[in-house]
């Protein structure tokens, strides 16, 4: 893990490399020696799809909301806090919906 973290530090500058190294180290600590099974591909696909959907929708909302507010003759600078609230609420809904689609209930 130390070698992977050292290599990650050389990838993209200090900030990106430090974040990648911290993520690799955290994954190593969370999975090595634990009794929890590793992440399934279904889980990884559901998480990736929900993050993609949240990011895509937040980009569209971030581009459209200031224009809508300006057209309504409201201050477009209020869009930033409005987008945060909208995406916080819809992010939970999107994650639950995508996981319900990709992760059917299994017999335990």
PDB file of N, CA and C in Angstrom:
ATOM      1  N   UNK A   1       0.822  -1.193   0.000  1.00  0.00           N
ATOM      2  CA  UNK A   1       0.000   0.000   0.000  1.00  0.00           C
ATOM      3  C   UNK A   1       0.861   1.249   0.000  1.00  0.00           C
ATOM      4  N   UNK A   2       2.003   1.178   0.653  1.00  0.00           N
ATOM      5  CA  UNK A   2       2.882   2.343   0.710  1.00  0.00           C
ATOM      6  C   UNK A   2       3.437   2.665  -0.671  1.00  0.00           C
ATOM      7  N   UNK A   3       3.750   1.617  -1.454  1.00  0.00           N
ATOM      8  CA  UNK A   3       4.256   1.852  -2.806  1.00  0.00           C
ATOM      9  C   UNK A   3       3.177   2.454  -3.694  1.00  0.00           C
ATOM     10  N   UNK A   4       1.944   1.962  -3.559  1.00  0.00           N
ATOM     11  CA  UNK A   4       0.838   2.508  -4.351  1.00  0.00           C
ATOM     12  C   UNK A   4       0.590   3.956  -3.982  1.00  0.00           C
ATOM     13  N   UNK A   5       0.675   4.283  -2.699  1.00  0.00           N
ATOM     14  CA  UNK A   5       0.468   5.659  -2.268  1.00  0.00           C
ATOM     15  C   UNK A   5       1.592   6.549  -2.767  1.00  0.00           C
ATOM     16  N   UNK A   6       2.823   6.034  -2.783  1.00  0.00           N
ATOM     17  CA  UNK A   6       3.950   6.816  -3.290  1.00  0.00           C
ATOM     18  C   UNK A   6       3.795   7.073  -4.781  1.00  0.00           C
ATOM     19  N   UNK A   7       3.348   6.051  -5.523  1.00  0.00           N
ATOM     20  CA  UNK A   7       3.119   6.238  -6.957  1.00  0.00           C
ATOM     21  C   UNK A   7       1.978   7.209  -7.202  1.00  0.00           C
ATOM     22  N   UNK A   8       0.956   7.156  -6.378  1.00  0.00           N
ATOM     23  CA  UNK A   8      -0.189   8.041  -6.556  1.00  0.00           C
ATOM     24  C   UNK A   8       0.206   9.488  -6.338  1.00  0.00           C
ATOM     25  N   UNK A   9       1.153   9.738  -5.462  1.00  0.00           N
ATOM     26  CA  UNK A   9       1.604  11.097  -5.203  1.00  0.00           C
ATOM     27  C   UNK A   9       2.293  11.718  -6.395  1.00  0.00           C
ATOM     28  N   UNK A  10       2.759  10.914  -7.342  1.00  0.00           N
ATOM     29  CA  UNK A  10       3.466  11.421  -8.502  1.00  0.00           C
ATOM     30  C   UNK A  10       2.560  11.584  -9.714  1.00  0.00           C
ATOM     31  N   UNK A  11       1.274  11.275  -9.602  1.00  0.00           N
ATOM     32  CA  UNK A  11       0.392  11.276 -10.763  1.00  0.00           C
ATOM     33  C   UNK A  11       0.011  12.660 -11.247  1.00  0.00           C
ATOM     34  N   UNK A  12      -0.495  13.498 -10.385  1.00  0.00           N
ATOM     35  CA  UNK A  12      -1.060  14.733 -10.897  1.00  0.00           C
ATOM     36  C   UNK A  12      -0.830  15.933 -10.021  1.00  0.00           C
ATOM     37  N   UNK A  13       0.329  16.140  -9.520  1.00  0.00           N
ATOM     38  CA  UNK A  13       0.559  17.268  -8.653  1.00  0.00           C
ATOM     39  C   UNK A  13       0.259  16.914  -7.215  1.00  0.00           C
ATOM     40  N   UNK A  14       0.447  17.871  -6.346  1.00  0.00           N
ATOM     41  CA  UNK A  14       0.302  17.608  -4.908  1.00  0.00           C
ATOM     42  C   UNK A  14      -1.136  17.352  -4.493  1.00  0.00           C
ATOM     43  N   UNK A  15      -2.066  18.158  -4.982  1.00  0.00           N
ATOM     44  CA  UNK A  15      -3.455  18.019  -4.533  1.00  0.00           C
ATOM     45  C   UNK A  15      -4.087  16.719  -5.030  1.00  0.00           C
ATOM     46  N   UNK A  16      -4.000  16.459  -6.320  1.00  0.00           N
ATOM     47  CA  UNK A  16      -4.599  15.246  -6.868  1.00  0.00           C
ATOM     48  C   UNK A  16      -3.917  14.005  -6.334  1.00  0.00           C
ATOM     49  N   UNK A  17      -2.604  14.029  -6.287  1.00  0.00           N
ATOM     50  CA  UNK A  17      -1.855  12.879  -5.809  1.00  0.00           C
ATOM     51  C   UNK A  17      -2.120  12.599  -4.342  1.00  0.00           C
ATOM     52  N   UNK A  18      -2.239  13.656  -3.549  1.00  0.00           N
ATOM     53  CA  UNK A  18      -2.504  13.470  -2.121  1.00  0.00           C
ATOM     54  C   UNK A  18      -3.884  12.874  -1.910  1.00  0.00           C
ATOM     55  N   UNK A  19      -4.866  13.318  -2.676  1.00  0.00           N
ATOM     56  CA  UNK A  19      -6.219  12.766  -2.552  1.00  0.00           C
ATOM     57  C   UNK A  19      -6.271  11.318  -2.985  1.00  0.00           C
ATOM     58  N   UNK A  20      -5.579  10.998  -4.070  1.00  0.00           N
ATOM     59  CA  UNK A  20      -5.547   9.625  -4.555  1.00  0.00           C
ATOM     60  C   UNK A  20      -4.812   8.726  -3.571  1.00  0.00           C
ATOM     61  N   UNK A  21      -3.725   9.215  -3.018  1.00  0.00           N
ATOM     62  CA  UNK A  21      -2.972   8.424  -2.035  1.00  0.00           C
ATOM     63  C   UNK A  21      -3.809   8.183  -0.785  1.00  0.00           C
ATOM     64  N   UNK A  22      -4.539   9.200  -0.340  1.00  0.00           N
ATOM     65  CA  UNK A  22      -5.396   9.026   0.836  1.00  0.00           C
ATOM     66  C   UNK A  22      -6.509   8.029   0.553  1.00  0.00           C
ATOM     67  N   UNK A  23      -7.072   8.078  -0.651  1.00  0.00           N
ATOM     68  CA  UNK A  23      -8.124   7.127  -1.009  1.00  0.00           C
ATOM     69  C   UNK A  23      -7.613   5.704  -1.071  1.00  0.00           C
ATOM     70  N   UNK A  24      -6.425   5.512  -1.631  1.00  0.00           N
ATOM     71  CA  UNK A  24      -5.838   4.172  -1.689  1.00  0.00           C
ATOM     72  C   UNK A  24      -5.525   3.645  -0.293  1.00  0.00           C
ATOM     73  N   UNK A  25      -4.974   4.502   0.541  1.00  0.00           N
ATOM     74  CA  UNK A  25      -4.654   4.079   1.903  1.00  0.00           C
ATOM     75  C   UNK A  25      -5.920   3.751   2.681  1.00  0.00           C
ATOM     76  N   UNK A  26      -6.953   4.546   2.503  1.00  0.00           N
ATOM     77  CA  UNK A  26      -8.223   4.311   3.198  1.00  0.00           C
ATOM     78  C   UNK A  26      -8.862   3.002   2.745  1.00  0.00           C
ATOM     79  N   UNK A  27      -8.802   2.726   1.447  1.00  0.00           N
ATOM     80  CA  UNK A  27      -9.348   1.470   0.945  1.00  0.00           C
ATOM     81  C   UNK A  27      -8.575   0.287   1.509  1.00  0.00           C
ATOM     82  N   UNK A  28      -7.259   0.419   1.588  1.00  0.00           N
ATOM     83  CA  UNK A  28      -6.430  -0.658   2.127  1.00  0.00           C
ATOM     84  C   UNK A  28      -6.788  -0.935   3.585  1.00  0.00           C
ATOM     85  N   UNK A  29      -6.922   0.120   4.363  1.00  0.00           N
ATOM     86  CA  UNK A  29      -7.251  -0.037   5.777  1.00  0.00           C
ATOM     87  C   UNK A  29      -8.648  -0.615   5.942  1.00  0.00           C
ATOM     88  N   UNK A  30      -9.576  -0.213   5.096  1.00  0.00           N
ATOM     89  CA  UNK A  30     -10.969  -0.652   5.237  1.00  0.00           C
ATOM     90  C   UNK A  30     -11.180  -2.101   4.818  1.00  0.00           C
ATOM     91  N   UNK A  31     -10.366  -2.607   3.890  1.00  0.00           N
ATOM     92  CA  UNK A  31     -10.642  -3.945   3.373  1.00  0.00           C
ATOM     93  C   UNK A  31      -9.676  -5.013   3.856  1.00  0.00           C
ATOM     94  N   UNK A  32      -8.446  -4.676   4.120  1.00  0.00           N
ATOM     95  CA  UNK A  32      -7.474  -5.683   4.549  1.00  0.00           C
ATOM     96  C   UNK A  32      -7.697  -6.011   6.016  1.00  0.00           C
ATOM     97  N   UNK A  33      -7.839  -7.269   6.290  1.00  0.00           N
ATOM     98  CA  UNK A  33      -8.000  -7.710   7.669  1.00  0.00           C
ATOM     99  C   UNK A  33      -9.421  -7.612   8.186  1.00  0.00           C
ATOM    100  N   UNK A  34     -10.327  -7.151   7.368  1.00  0.00           N
ATOM    101  CA  UNK A  34     -11.707  -7.062   7.835  1.00  0.00           C
ATOM    102  C   UNK A  34     -12.452  -8.329   7.430  1.00  0.00           C
ATOM    103  N   UNK A  35     -13.497  -8.611   8.126  1.00  0.00           N
ATOM    104  CA  UNK A  35     -14.301  -9.783   7.814  1.00  0.00           C
ATOM    105  C   UNK A  35     -15.392  -9.473   6.802  1.00  0.00           C
ATOM    106  N   UNK A  36     -15.495  -8.216   6.433  1.00  0.00           N
ATOM    107  CA  UNK A  36     -16.488  -7.802   5.463  1.00  0.00           C
ATOM    108  C   UNK A  36     -16.042  -8.238   4.069  1.00  0.00           C
ATOM    109  N   UNK A  37     -16.952  -8.798   3.275  1.00  0.00           N
ATOM    110  CA  UNK A  37     -16.555  -9.212   1.923  1.00  0.00           C
ATOM    111  C   UNK A  37     -16.227  -7.998   1.064  1.00  0.00           C
ATOM    112  N   UNK A  38     -15.411  -8.174   0.045  1.00  0.00           N
ATOM    113  CA  UNK A  38     -15.067  -7.046  -0.824  1.00  0.00           C
ATOM    114  C   UNK A  38     -16.294  -6.545  -1.589  1.00  0.00           C
ATOM    115  N   UNK A  39     -16.165  -5.366  -2.124  1.00  0.00           N
ATOM    116  CA  UNK A  39     -17.252  -4.735  -2.871  1.00  0.00           C
ATOM    117  C   UNK A  39     -17.576  -5.542  -4.119  1.00  0.00           C
ATOM    118  N   UNK A  40     -18.847  -5.834  -4.317  1.00  0.00           N
ATOM    119  CA  UNK A  40     -19.282  -6.552  -5.514  1.00  0.00           C
ATOM    120  C   UNK A  40     -19.319  -5.595  -6.698  1.00  0.00           C
ATOM    121  N   UNK A  41     -19.290  -6.165  -7.904  1.00  0.00           N
ATOM    122  CA  UNK A  41     -19.382  -5.355  -9.112  1.00  0.00           C
ATOM    123  C   UNK A  41     -20.744  -4.690  -9.217  1.00  0.00           C
ATOM    124  N   UNK A  42     -21.786  -5.350  -8.727  1.00  0.00           N
ATOM    125  CA  UNK A  42     -23.121  -4.739  -8.742  1.00  0.00           C
ATOM    126  C   UNK A  42     -23.135  -3.468  -7.900  1.00  0.00           C
ATOM    127  N   UNK A  43     -22.514  -3.553  -6.734  1.00  0.00           N
ATOM    128  CA  UNK A  43     -22.448  -2.382  -5.856  1.00  0.00           C
ATOM    129  C   UNK A  43     -21.663  -1.251  -6.516  1.00  0.00           C
ATOM    130  N   UNK A  44     -20.522  -1.609  -7.088  1.00  0.00           N
ATOM    131  CA  UNK A  44     -19.686  -0.595  -7.733  1.00  0.00           C
ATOM    132  C   UNK A  44     -20.417   0.055  -8.906  1.00  0.00           C
ATOM    133  N   UNK A  45     -21.157  -0.742  -9.677  1.00  0.00           N
ATOM    134  CA  UNK A  45     -21.913  -0.208 -10.808  1.00  0.00           C
ATOM    135  C   UNK A  45     -23.022   0.732 -10.328  1.00  0.00           C
ATOM    136  N   UNK A  46     -23.716   0.355  -9.277  1.00  0.00           N
ATOM    137  CA  UNK A  46     -24.792   1.198  -8.744  1.00  0.00           C
ATOM    138  C   UNK A  46     -24.246   2.520  -8.212  1.00  0.00           C
ATOM    139  N   UNK A  47     -23.131   2.474  -7.496  1.00  0.00           N
ATOM    140  CA  UNK A  47     -22.541   3.697  -6.951  1.00  0.00           C
ATOM    141  C   UNK A  47     -22.032   4.586  -8.074  1.00  0.00           C
ATOM    142  N   UNK A  48     -21.374   3.984  -9.067  1.00  0.00           N
ATOM    143  CA  UNK A  48     -20.856   4.759 -10.196  1.00  0.00           C
ATOM    144  C   UNK A  48     -21.992   5.402 -10.986  1.00  0.00           C
ATOM    145  N   UNK A  49     -23.049   4.645 -11.239  1.00  0.00           N
ATOM    146  CA  UNK A  49     -24.183   5.186 -11.999  1.00  0.00           C
ATOM    147  C   UNK A  49     -24.868   6.317 -11.238  1.00  0.00           C
ATOM    148  N   UNK A  50     -25.022   6.173  -9.937  1.00  0.00           N
ATOM    149  CA  UNK A  50     -25.676   7.237  -9.175  1.00  0.00           C
ATOM    150  C   UNK A  50     -24.808   8.492  -9.115  1.00  0.00           C
ATOM    151  N   UNK A  51     -23.491   8.328  -8.969  1.00  0.00           N
ATOM    152  CA  UNK A  51     -22.609   9.495  -8.976  1.00  0.00           C
ATOM    153  C   UNK A  51     -22.607  10.181 -10.332  1.00  0.00           C
ATOM    154  N   UNK A  52     -22.642   9.392 -11.409  1.00  0.00           N
ATOM    155  CA  UNK A  52     -22.721   9.972 -12.745  1.00  0.00           C
ATOM    156  C   UNK A  52     -24.009  10.767 -12.915  1.00  0.00           C
ATOM    157  N   UNK A  53     -25.120  10.180 -12.486  1.00  0.00           N
ATOM    158  CA  UNK A  53     -26.418  10.856 -12.626  1.00  0.00           C
ATOM    159  C   UNK A  53     -26.457  12.142 -11.803  1.00  0.00           C
ATOM    160  N   UNK A  54     -25.946  12.093 -10.582  1.00  0.00           N
ATOM    161  CA  UNK A  54     -25.941  13.284  -9.726  1.00  0.00           C
ATOM    162  C   UNK A  54     -25.079  14.375 -10.350  1.00  0.00           C
ATOM    163  N   UNK A  55     -23.908  14.015 -10.841  1.00  0.00           N
ATOM    164  CA  UNK A  55     -23.014  15.004 -11.448  1.00  0.00           C
ATOM    165  C   UNK A  55     -23.629  15.594 -12.709  1.00  0.00           C
ATOM    166  N   UNK A  56     -24.214  14.750 -13.551  1.00  0.00           N
ATOM    167  CA  UNK A  56     -24.824  15.220 -14.793  1.00  0.00           C
ATOM    168  C   UNK A  56     -25.979  16.178 -14.504  1.00  0.00           C
ATOM    169  N   UNK A  57     -26.830  15.817 -13.563  1.00  0.00           N
ATOM    170  CA  UNK A  57     -27.979  16.662 -13.236  1.00  0.00           C
ATOM    171  C   UNK A  57     -27.533  17.971 -12.577  1.00  0.00           C
ATOM    172  N   UNK A  58     -26.495  17.909 -11.755  1.00  0.00           N
ATOM    173  CA  UNK A  58     -26.021  19.148 -11.123  1.00  0.00           C
ATOM    174  C   UNK A  58     -25.395  20.089 -12.142  1.00  0.00           C
ATOM    175  N   UNK A  59     -24.747  19.545 -13.169  1.00  0.00           N
ATOM    176  CA  UNK A  59     -24.196  20.394 -14.223  1.00  0.00           C
ATOM    177  C   UNK A  59     -25.321  21.075 -15.000  1.00  0.00           C
ATOM    178  N   UNK A  60     -26.344  20.304 -15.348  1.00  0.00           N
ATOM    179  CA  UNK A  60     -27.479  20.895 -16.066  1.00  0.00           C
ATOM    180  C   UNK A  60     -28.188  21.947 -15.212  1.00  0.00           C
ATOM    181  N   UNK A  61     -28.385  21.634 -13.946  1.00  0.00           N
ATOM    182  CA  UNK A  61     -29.045  22.581 -13.044  1.00  0.00           C
ATOM    183  C   UNK A  61     -28.203  23.832 -12.849  1.00  0.00           C
ATOM    184  N   UNK A  62     -26.894  23.636 -12.701  1.00  0.00           N
ATOM    185  CA  UNK A  62     -26.001  24.780 -12.522  1.00  0.00           C
ATOM    186  C   UNK A  62     -25.936  25.687 -13.728  1.00  0.00           C
ATOM    187  N   UNK A  63     -26.138  25.123 -14.907  1.00  0.00           N
ATOM    188  CA  UNK A  63     -26.132  25.945 -16.118  1.00  0.00           C
ATOM    189  C   UNK A  63     -27.474  26.617 -16.366  1.00  0.00           C
ATOM    190  N   UNK A  64     -28.563  25.929 -16.026  1.00  0.00           N
ATOM    191  CA  UNK A  64     -29.890  26.448 -16.359  1.00  0.00           C
ATOM    192  C   UNK A  64     -30.475  27.376 -15.299  1.00  0.00           C
ATOM    193  N   UNK A  65     -30.232  27.096 -14.048  1.00  0.00           N
ATOM    194  CA  UNK A  65     -30.909  27.858 -12.989  1.00  0.00           C
ATOM    195  C   UNK A  65     -30.587  29.356 -12.998  1.00  0.00           C
ATOM    196  N   UNK A  66     -29.330  29.778 -13.173  1.00  0.00           N
ATOM    197  CA  UNK A  66     -29.087  31.229 -13.251  1.00  0.00           C
ATOM    198  C   UNK A  66     -29.827  31.895 -14.409  1.00  0.00           C
ATOM    199  N   UNK A  67     -29.936  31.193 -15.532  1.00  0.00           N
ATOM    200  CA  UNK A  67     -30.663  31.754 -16.673  1.00  0.00           C
ATOM    201  C   UNK A  67     -32.154  31.873 -16.380  1.00  0.00           C
ATOM    202  N   UNK A  68     -32.703  30.861 -15.707  1.00  0.00           N
ATOM    203  CA  UNK A  68     -34.122  30.889 -15.341  1.00  0.00           C
ATOM    204  C   UNK A  68     -34.387  32.015 -14.353  1.00  0.00           C
ATOM    205  N   UNK A  69     -33.511  32.157 -13.369  1.00  0.00           N
ATOM    206  CA  UNK A  69     -33.697  33.236 -12.387  1.00  0.00           C
ATOM    207  C   UNK A  69     -33.583  34.607 -13.041  1.00  0.00           C
ATOM    208  N   UNK A  70     -32.657  34.757 -13.961  1.00  0.00           N
ATOM    209  CA  UNK A  70     -32.514  36.035 -14.661  1.00  0.00           C
ATOM    210  C   UNK A  70     -33.752  36.336 -15.498  1.00  0.00           C
ATOM    211  N   UNK A  71     -34.296  35.322 -16.150  1.00  0.00           N
ATOM    212  CA  UNK A  71     -35.506  35.501 -16.960  1.00  0.00           C
ATOM    213  C   UNK A  71     -36.701  35.880 -16.087  1.00  0.00           C
ATOM    214  N   UNK A  72     -36.701  35.375 -14.846  1.00  0.00           N
ATOM    215  CA  UNK A  72     -37.774  35.709 -13.910  1.00  0.00           C
ATOM    216  C   UNK A  72     -37.522  37.043 -13.205  1.00  0.00           C
ATOM    217  N   UNK A  73     -36.445  37.731 -13.622  1.00  0.00           N
ATOM    218  CA  UNK A  73     -36.047  39.028 -13.061  1.00  0.00           C
ATOM    219  C   UNK A  73     -35.710  38.928 -11.582  1.00  0.00           C
ATOM    220  N   UNK A  74     -35.074  37.815 -11.234  1.00  0.00           N
ATOM    221  CA  UNK A  74     -34.542  37.612  -9.893  1.00  0.00           C
ATOM    222  C   UNK A  74     -33.023  37.627  -9.983  1.00  0.00           C
ATOM    223  N   UNK A  75     -32.376  37.775  -8.858  1.00  0.00           N
ATOM    224  CA  UNK A  75     -30.918  37.845  -8.825  1.00  0.00           C
ATOM    225  C   UNK A  75     -30.317  36.470  -9.121  1.00  0.00           C
ATOM    226  N   UNK A  76     -29.575  36.308 -10.213  1.00  0.00           N
ATOM    227  CA  UNK A  76     -28.998  35.000 -10.556  1.00  0.00           C
ATOM    228  C   UNK A  76     -27.941  34.525  -9.572  1.00  0.00           C
ATOM    229  N   UNK A  77     -27.415  35.425  -8.748  1.00  0.00           N
ATOM    230  CA  UNK A  77     -26.400  34.998  -7.779  1.00  0.00           C
ATOM    231  C   UNK A  77     -26.994  34.114  -6.684  1.00  0.00           C
ATOM    232  N   UNK A  78     -28.308  34.097  -6.560  1.00  0.00           N
ATOM    233  CA  UNK A  78     -28.954  33.207  -5.591  1.00  0.00           C
ATOM    234  C   UNK A  78     -28.972  31.752  -6.057  1.00  0.00           C
ATOM    235  N   UNK A  79     -28.567  31.511  -7.283  1.00  0.00           N
ATOM    236  CA  UNK A  79     -28.621  30.159  -7.837  1.00  0.00           C
ATOM    237  C   UNK A  79     -27.689  29.197  -7.113  1.00  0.00           C
ATOM    238  N   UNK A  80     -26.549  29.673  -6.625  1.00  0.00           N
ATOM    239  CA  UNK A  80     -25.570  28.756  -6.033  1.00  0.00           C
ATOM    240  C   UNK A  80     -26.117  28.054  -4.794  1.00  0.00           C
ATOM    241  N   UNK A  81     -26.741  28.790  -3.899  1.00  0.00           N
ATOM    242  CA  UNK A  81     -27.291  28.149  -2.703  1.00  0.00           C
ATOM    243  C   UNK A  81     -28.518  27.313  -3.040  1.00  0.00           C
ATOM    244  N   UNK A  82     -29.279  27.765  -4.021  1.00  0.00           N
ATOM    245  CA  UNK A  82     -30.461  27.002  -4.436  1.00  0.00           C
ATOM    246  C   UNK A  82     -30.046  25.672  -5.044  1.00  0.00           C
ATOM    247  N   UNK A  83     -28.992  25.677  -5.848  1.00  0.00           N
ATOM    248  CA  UNK A  83     -28.497  24.443  -6.458  1.00  0.00           C
ATOM    249  C   UNK A  83     -28.022  23.474  -5.382  1.00  0.00           C
ATOM    250  N   UNK A  84     -27.364  23.985  -4.356  1.00  0.00           N
ATOM    251  CA  UNK A  84     -26.886  23.119  -3.269  1.00  0.00           C
ATOM    252  C   UNK A  84     -28.045  22.409  -2.592  1.00  0.00           C
ATOM    253  N   UNK A  85     -29.091  23.142  -2.299  1.00  0.00           N
ATOM    254  CA  UNK A  85     -30.250  22.546  -1.627  1.00  0.00           C
ATOM    255  C   UNK A  85     -30.937  21.533  -2.539  1.00  0.00           C
ATOM    256  N   UNK A  86     -31.131  21.918  -3.799  1.00  0.00           N
ATOM    257  CA  UNK A  86     -31.786  21.013  -4.755  1.00  0.00           C
ATOM    258  C   UNK A  86     -30.986  19.727  -4.911  1.00  0.00           C
ATOM    259  N   UNK A  87     -29.675  19.834  -5.059  1.00  0.00           N
ATOM    260  CA  UNK A  87     -28.847  18.644  -5.288  1.00  0.00           C
ATOM    261  C   UNK A  87     -28.689  17.806  -4.026  1.00  0.00           C
ATOM    262  N   UNK A  88     -28.711  18.414  -2.849  1.00  0.00           N
ATOM    263  CA  UNK A  88     -28.675  17.620  -1.612  1.00  0.00           C
ATOM    264  C   UNK A  88     -29.909  16.730  -1.509  1.00  0.00           C
ATOM    265  N   UNK A  89     -31.044  17.312  -1.788  1.00  0.00           N
ATOM    266  CA  UNK A  89     -32.297  16.545  -1.689  1.00  0.00           C
ATOM    267  C   UNK A  89     -32.402  15.533  -2.821  1.00  0.00           C
ATOM    268  N   UNK A  90     -32.149  15.979  -4.046  1.00  0.00           N
ATOM    269  CA  UNK A  90     -32.294  15.061  -5.178  1.00  0.00           C
ATOM    270  C   UNK A  90     -31.182  14.012  -5.220  1.00  0.00           C
ATOM    271  N   UNK A  91     -30.014  14.307  -4.652  1.00  0.00           N
ATOM    272  CA  UNK A  91     -28.930  13.334  -4.616  1.00  0.00           C
ATOM    273  C   UNK A  91     -29.289  12.092  -3.830  1.00  0.00           C
ATOM    274  N   UNK A  92     -29.955  12.280  -2.712  1.00  0.00           N
ATOM    275  CA  UNK A  92     -30.405  11.134  -1.915  1.00  0.00           C
ATOM    276  C   UNK A  92     -31.449  10.342  -2.702  1.00  0.00           C
ATOM    277  N   UNK A  93     -32.381  11.035  -3.315  1.00  0.00           N
ATOM    278  CA  UNK A  93     -33.420  10.373  -4.113  1.00  0.00           C
ATOM    279  C   UNK A  93     -32.809   9.614  -5.296  1.00  0.00           C
ATOM    280  N   UNK A  94     -31.868  10.238  -5.990  1.00  0.00           N
ATOM    281  CA  UNK A  94     -31.229   9.596  -7.141  1.00  0.00           C
ATOM    282  C   UNK A  94     -30.464   8.354  -6.702  1.00  0.00           C
ATOM    283  N   UNK A  95     -29.714   8.460  -5.619  1.00  0.00           N
ATOM    284  CA  UNK A  95     -28.941   7.317  -5.138  1.00  0.00           C
ATOM    285  C   UNK A  95     -29.851   6.161  -4.758  1.00  0.00           C
ATOM    286  N   UNK A  96     -30.919   6.434  -4.043  1.00  0.00           N
ATOM    287  CA  UNK A  96     -31.855   5.368  -3.646  1.00  0.00           C
ATOM    288  C   UNK A  96     -32.530   4.749  -4.867  1.00  0.00           C
ATOM    289  N   UNK A  97     -32.906   5.575  -5.832  1.00  0.00           N
ATOM    290  CA  UNK A  97     -33.574   5.064  -7.027  1.00  0.00           C
ATOM    291  C   UNK A  97     -32.635   4.205  -7.866  1.00  0.00           C
ATOM    292  N   UNK A  98     -31.425   4.697  -8.108  1.00  0.00           N
ATOM    293  CA  UNK A  98     -30.465   3.949  -8.921  1.00  0.00           C
ATOM    294  C   UNK A  98     -30.083   2.640  -8.234  1.00  0.00           C
ATOM    295  N   UNK A  99     -29.873   2.671  -6.934  1.00  0.00           N
ATOM    296  CA  UNK A  99     -29.522   1.438  -6.211  1.00  0.00           C
ATOM    297  C   UNK A  99     -30.688   0.454  -6.211  1.00  0.00           C
ATOM    298  N   UNK A 100     -31.915   0.949  -6.159  1.00  0.00           N
ATOM    299  CA  UNK A 100     -33.071   0.048  -6.228  1.00  0.00           C
ATOM    300  C   UNK A 100     -33.159  -0.621  -7.594  1.00  0.00           C
ATOM    301  N   UNK A 101     -32.737   0.071  -8.634  1.00  0.00           N
ATOM    302  CA  UNK A 101     -32.750  -0.491  -9.980  1.00  0.00           C
ATOM    303  C   UNK A 101     -31.634  -1.513 -10.156  1.00  0.00           C
ATOM    304  N   UNK A 102     -30.420  -1.145  -9.750  1.00  0.00           N
ATOM    305  CA  UNK A 102     -29.255  -1.992  -9.992  1.00  0.00           C
ATOM    306  C   UNK A 102     -29.077  -3.098  -8.957  1.00  0.00           C
ATOM    307  N   UNK A 103     -29.631  -2.930  -7.783  1.00  0.00           N
ATOM    308  CA  UNK A 103     -29.406  -3.904  -6.713  1.00  0.00           C
ATOM    309  C   UNK A 103     -30.733  -4.509  -6.266  1.00  0.00           C
ATOM    310  N   UNK A 104     -31.213  -5.504  -6.974  1.00  0.00           N
ATOM    311  CA  UNK A 104     -32.464  -6.143  -6.534  1.00  0.00           C
ATOM    312  C   UNK A 104     -32.252  -6.827  -5.186  1.00  0.00           C
ATOM    313  N   UNK A 105     -33.335  -6.956  -4.444  1.00  0.00           N
ATOM    314  CA  UNK A 105     -33.231  -7.597  -3.134  1.00  0.00           C
ATOM    315  C   UNK A 105     -32.846  -9.054  -3.312  1.00  0.00           C
ATOM    316  N   UNK A 106     -31.879  -9.476  -2.526  1.00  0.00           N
ATOM    317  CA  UNK A 106     -31.395 -10.848  -2.601  1.00  0.00           C
ATOM    318  C   UNK A 106     -31.874 -11.597  -1.360  1.00  0.00           C
ATOM    319  N   UNK A 107     -32.063 -12.875  -1.494  1.00  0.00           N
ATOM    320  CA  UNK A 107     -32.410 -13.689  -0.336  1.00  0.00           C
ATOM    321  C   UNK A 107     -31.203 -13.779   0.586  1.00  0.00           C
ATOM    322  N   UNK A 108     -31.431 -13.438   1.823  1.00  0.00           N
ATOM    323  CA  UNK A 108     -30.330 -13.443   2.779  1.00  0.00           C
ATOM    324  C   UNK A 108     -30.342 -14.728   3.572  1.00  0.00           C
TER     325      UNK A 108
END
